[in-house]
Each structure stands twice: as structure tokens, then as C-alpha cells.
């Protein structure tokens, strides 16, 4: 899947990686109400094919009684979000979010290839 950011830039979806959460939760709820248990990496590329920015796949770590998942990227509606998940023993999981890119326009992969 690909999106146009501007006349000279595109967002291209890359490979998918699992999101490692506790077995009780096992997925992250997105702002549109859908759930995900894996996340894609994304590339912001110029029309001539140069990678301008890489939005990597999810990364999980723990510290004491908390589990942290960072760099969960997903296109929700027409914006690229970055989510952060925190889960601590005995407490409800918490999702924070940041919008990285807005006003994306879906395009066919052929359109991206033709622009190069």
C-alpha cells in the first residue's frame, strides 16, 4: 500500500512485525476502534526513489514490572500514527499516540513506480 504525501513525496508500507504484549492483552486498540497485533514499517520516499525517512517496526522492552512497546506505526484513516504502549503489572495498559503525517492520499503502487 502507498500514499501520496505531496507532489514529490510518497509513503510506502514495508514489512510487518509482531507486537509483543502480555498474553492477556495481545493487541493494541487504535483510535478508529480496530485492534492490531502486528505493525508495518513505513518509508517516506521522494519521487526519484530516495528514502527520506524510515518509520521502523515495533520494539519491545521491559523495566522492572513494566512492558514498553515503542515505534508502533500505522496508517489510520489518512494519517500515519506512532503509538507507544505501556503495560505495568496490576494496572491497565496505556496507549499514547503521535501523528507523524497527515492528509495522506492513497495511490496505487504503479503510480509511485511511474513517478520515478
C-alpha atoms as a PDB file:
ATOM      1  CA  UNK A   1       0.000   0.000   0.000  1.00  0.00           C
ATOM      2  CA  UNK A   2       1.222   3.513  -0.777  1.00  0.00           C
ATOM      3  CA  UNK A   3       0.101   7.072  -0.128  1.00  0.00           C
ATOM      4  CA  UNK A   4       0.967  10.428  -1.662  1.00  0.00           C
ATOM      5  CA  UNK A   5       2.283  12.941   0.877  1.00  0.00           C
ATOM      6  CA  UNK A   6       2.884  15.711  -1.643  1.00  0.00           C
ATOM      7  CA  UNK A   7       3.562  16.030  -5.359  1.00  0.00           C
ATOM      8  CA  UNK A   8       7.172  14.882  -4.808  1.00  0.00           C
ATOM      9  CA  UNK A   9       6.881  12.518  -1.800  1.00  0.00           C
ATOM     10  CA  UNK A  10       5.228   9.183  -1.039  1.00  0.00           C
ATOM     11  CA  UNK A  11       4.720   6.912   1.957  1.00  0.00           C
ATOM     12  CA  UNK A  12       5.295   3.209   1.231  1.00  0.00           C
ATOM     13  CA  UNK A  13       4.316   0.394   3.594  1.00  0.00           C
ATOM     14  CA  UNK A  14       7.043  -2.177   4.255  1.00  0.00           C
ATOM     15  CA  UNK A  15       7.210  -5.467   6.117  1.00  0.00           C
ATOM     16  CA  UNK A  16       5.072  -6.354   9.119  1.00  0.00           C
ATOM     17  CA  UNK A  17       6.422  -7.340  12.545  1.00  0.00           C
ATOM     18  CA  UNK A  18       4.502  -8.728  15.537  1.00  0.00           C
ATOM     19  CA  UNK A  19       3.767  -6.535  18.545  1.00  0.00           C
ATOM     20  CA  UNK A  20       4.859  -8.417  21.659  1.00  0.00           C
ATOM     21  CA  UNK A  21       2.454  -7.745  24.517  1.00  0.00           C
ATOM     22  CA  UNK A  22       1.347  -9.791  27.504  1.00  0.00           C
ATOM     23  CA  UNK A  23      -0.869 -12.748  26.673  1.00  0.00           C
ATOM     24  CA  UNK A  24      -3.818 -11.169  28.488  1.00  0.00           C
ATOM     25  CA  UNK A  25      -3.903  -8.183  26.117  1.00  0.00           C
ATOM     26  CA  UNK A  26      -2.137  -9.358  22.954  1.00  0.00           C
ATOM     27  CA  UNK A  27      -3.263  -6.404  20.785  1.00  0.00           C
ATOM     28  CA  UNK A  28      -3.440  -2.618  20.682  1.00  0.00           C
ATOM     29  CA  UNK A  29      -6.679  -0.706  20.120  1.00  0.00           C
ATOM     30  CA  UNK A  30      -6.360   2.051  17.521  1.00  0.00           C
ATOM     31  CA  UNK A  31      -8.196   5.420  17.556  1.00  0.00           C
ATOM     32  CA  UNK A  32     -10.690   4.144  14.949  1.00  0.00           C
ATOM     33  CA  UNK A  33     -11.659   1.199  17.202  1.00  0.00           C
ATOM     34  CA  UNK A  34      -9.793  -1.538  15.302  1.00  0.00           C
ATOM     35  CA  UNK A  35      -7.249  -3.783  17.007  1.00  0.00           C
ATOM     36  CA  UNK A  36      -3.787  -4.750  15.804  1.00  0.00           C
ATOM     37  CA  UNK A  37      -1.238  -7.337  16.917  1.00  0.00           C
ATOM     38  CA  UNK A  38       1.391  -6.527  14.291  1.00  0.00           C
ATOM     39  CA  UNK A  39       2.663  -3.302  12.759  1.00  0.00           C
ATOM     40  CA  UNK A  40       4.301  -2.347   9.475  1.00  0.00           C
ATOM     41  CA  UNK A  41       7.381  -0.284   8.858  1.00  0.00           C
ATOM     42  CA  UNK A  42       6.913   2.696   6.524  1.00  0.00           C
ATOM     43  CA  UNK A  43       9.219   4.646   4.237  1.00  0.00           C
ATOM     44  CA  UNK A  44       8.839   8.285   3.212  1.00  0.00           C
ATOM     45  CA  UNK A  45      10.409   8.438  -0.237  1.00  0.00           C
ATOM     46  CA  UNK A  46      10.993  11.131  -2.824  1.00  0.00           C
ATOM     47  CA  UNK A  47       9.572  10.828  -6.325  1.00  0.00           C
ATOM     48  CA  UNK A  48      13.042   9.827  -7.560  1.00  0.00           C
ATOM     49  CA  UNK A  49      13.173   6.899  -5.106  1.00  0.00           C
ATOM     50  CA  UNK A  50      15.404   8.230  -2.314  1.00  0.00           C
ATOM     51  CA  UNK A  51      14.414   7.216   1.220  1.00  0.00           C
ATOM     52  CA  UNK A  52      13.855  10.422   3.186  1.00  0.00           C
ATOM     53  CA  UNK A  53      12.677   8.871   6.459  1.00  0.00           C
ATOM     54  CA  UNK A  54      12.198   5.379   7.888  1.00  0.00           C
ATOM     55  CA  UNK A  55       9.392   4.667  10.346  1.00  0.00           C
ATOM     56  CA  UNK A  56      10.633   1.384  11.800  1.00  0.00           C
ATOM     57  CA  UNK A  57       8.666  -1.579  13.109  1.00  0.00           C
ATOM     58  CA  UNK A  58       7.748  -2.067  16.786  1.00  0.00           C
ATOM     59  CA  UNK A  59      10.312  -2.596  19.531  1.00  0.00           C
ATOM     60  CA  UNK A  60       9.579  -4.147  22.947  1.00  0.00           C
ATOM     61  CA  UNK A  61      11.482  -3.773  26.216  1.00  0.00           C
ATOM     62  CA  UNK A  62      10.866  -4.292  29.913  1.00  0.00           C
ATOM     63  CA  UNK A  63      11.956  -2.466  33.022  1.00  0.00           C
ATOM     64  CA  UNK A  64      11.108  -3.863  36.428  1.00  0.00           C
ATOM     65  CA  UNK A  65       7.359  -4.658  36.302  1.00  0.00           C
ATOM     66  CA  UNK A  66       6.545  -2.746  33.114  1.00  0.00           C
ATOM     67  CA  UNK A  67       6.470  -3.696  29.456  1.00  0.00           C
ATOM     68  CA  UNK A  68       7.041  -0.976  26.863  1.00  0.00           C
ATOM     69  CA  UNK A  69       6.364  -1.187  23.140  1.00  0.00           C
ATOM     70  CA  UNK A  70       7.562   1.758  21.066  1.00  0.00           C
ATOM     71  CA  UNK A  71       7.550   2.618  17.379  1.00  0.00           C
ATOM     72  CA  UNK A  72       4.176   1.061  16.600  1.00  0.00           C
ATOM     73  CA  UNK A  73       3.337   2.754  13.270  1.00  0.00           C
ATOM     74  CA  UNK A  74       0.018   2.518  11.479  1.00  0.00           C
ATOM     75  CA  UNK A  75      -1.973   4.486   8.933  1.00  0.00           C
ATOM     76  CA  UNK A  76      -5.358   5.210  10.481  1.00  0.00           C
ATOM     77  CA  UNK A  77      -7.809   6.855   8.127  1.00  0.00           C
ATOM     78  CA  UNK A  78      -5.484   9.272   6.277  1.00  0.00           C
ATOM     79  CA  UNK A  79      -2.773   9.875   8.887  1.00  0.00           C
ATOM     80  CA  UNK A  80       0.382   7.989   9.877  1.00  0.00           C
ATOM     81  CA  UNK A  81       0.442   7.485  13.651  1.00  0.00           C
ATOM     82  CA  UNK A  82       3.202   6.433  16.006  1.00  0.00           C
ATOM     83  CA  UNK A  83       1.891   4.609  19.089  1.00  0.00           C
ATOM     84  CA  UNK A  84       3.568   3.891  22.414  1.00  0.00           C
ATOM     85  CA  UNK A  85       2.212   1.129  24.663  1.00  0.00           C
ATOM     86  CA  UNK A  86       2.960   0.796  28.386  1.00  0.00           C
ATOM     87  CA  UNK A  87       1.754  -2.112  30.462  1.00  0.00           C
ATOM     88  CA  UNK A  88       2.632  -2.439  34.154  1.00  0.00           C
ATOM     89  CA  UNK A  89       1.790  -5.352  36.414  1.00  0.00           C
ATOM     90  CA  UNK A  90      -1.583  -4.864  38.116  1.00  0.00           C
ATOM     91  CA  UNK A  91      -2.600  -1.858  36.015  1.00  0.00           C
ATOM     92  CA  UNK A  92      -4.491  -1.308  32.787  1.00  0.00           C
ATOM     93  CA  UNK A  93      -2.353  -0.901  29.648  1.00  0.00           C
ATOM     94  CA  UNK A  94      -1.935   2.642  28.341  1.00  0.00           C
ATOM     95  CA  UNK A  95      -1.624   3.809  24.732  1.00  0.00           C
ATOM     96  CA  UNK A  96      -0.117   7.157  23.758  1.00  0.00           C
ATOM     97  CA  UNK A  97      -0.043   8.410  20.197  1.00  0.00           C
ATOM     98  CA  UNK A  98       1.519  10.992  17.944  1.00  0.00           C
ATOM     99  CA  UNK A  99       0.538  11.878  14.383  1.00  0.00           C
ATOM    100  CA  UNK A 100       3.610  11.786  12.123  1.00  0.00           C
ATOM    101  CA  UNK A 101       1.991  12.625   8.745  1.00  0.00           C
ATOM    102  CA  UNK A 102      -1.462  13.987   7.906  1.00  0.00           C
ATOM    103  CA  UNK A 103      -3.633  14.219   4.803  1.00  0.00           C
ATOM    104  CA  UNK A 104      -2.276  11.130   3.057  1.00  0.00           C
ATOM    105  CA  UNK A 105      -3.793  10.260  -0.306  1.00  0.00           C
ATOM    106  CA  UNK A 106      -3.942   6.541  -1.195  1.00  0.00           C
ATOM    107  CA  UNK A 107      -2.250   5.701  -4.500  1.00  0.00           C
ATOM    108  CA  UNK A 108      -1.607   2.511  -6.429  1.00  0.00           C
ATOM    109  CA  UNK A 109       1.940   1.139  -6.272  1.00  0.00           C
ATOM    110  CA  UNK A 110       2.112   1.637 -10.050  1.00  0.00           C
ATOM    111  CA  UNK A 111       1.703   5.402  -9.546  1.00  0.00           C
ATOM    112  CA  UNK A 112       4.747   5.505  -7.253  1.00  0.00           C
ATOM    113  CA  UNK A 113       6.848   3.499  -9.739  1.00  0.00           C
ATOM    114  CA  UNK A 114       5.809   5.751 -12.656  1.00  0.00           C
ATOM    115  CA  UNK A 115       6.861   8.899 -10.781  1.00  0.00           C
ATOM    116  CA  UNK A 116      10.487   7.747 -10.641  1.00  0.00           C
END
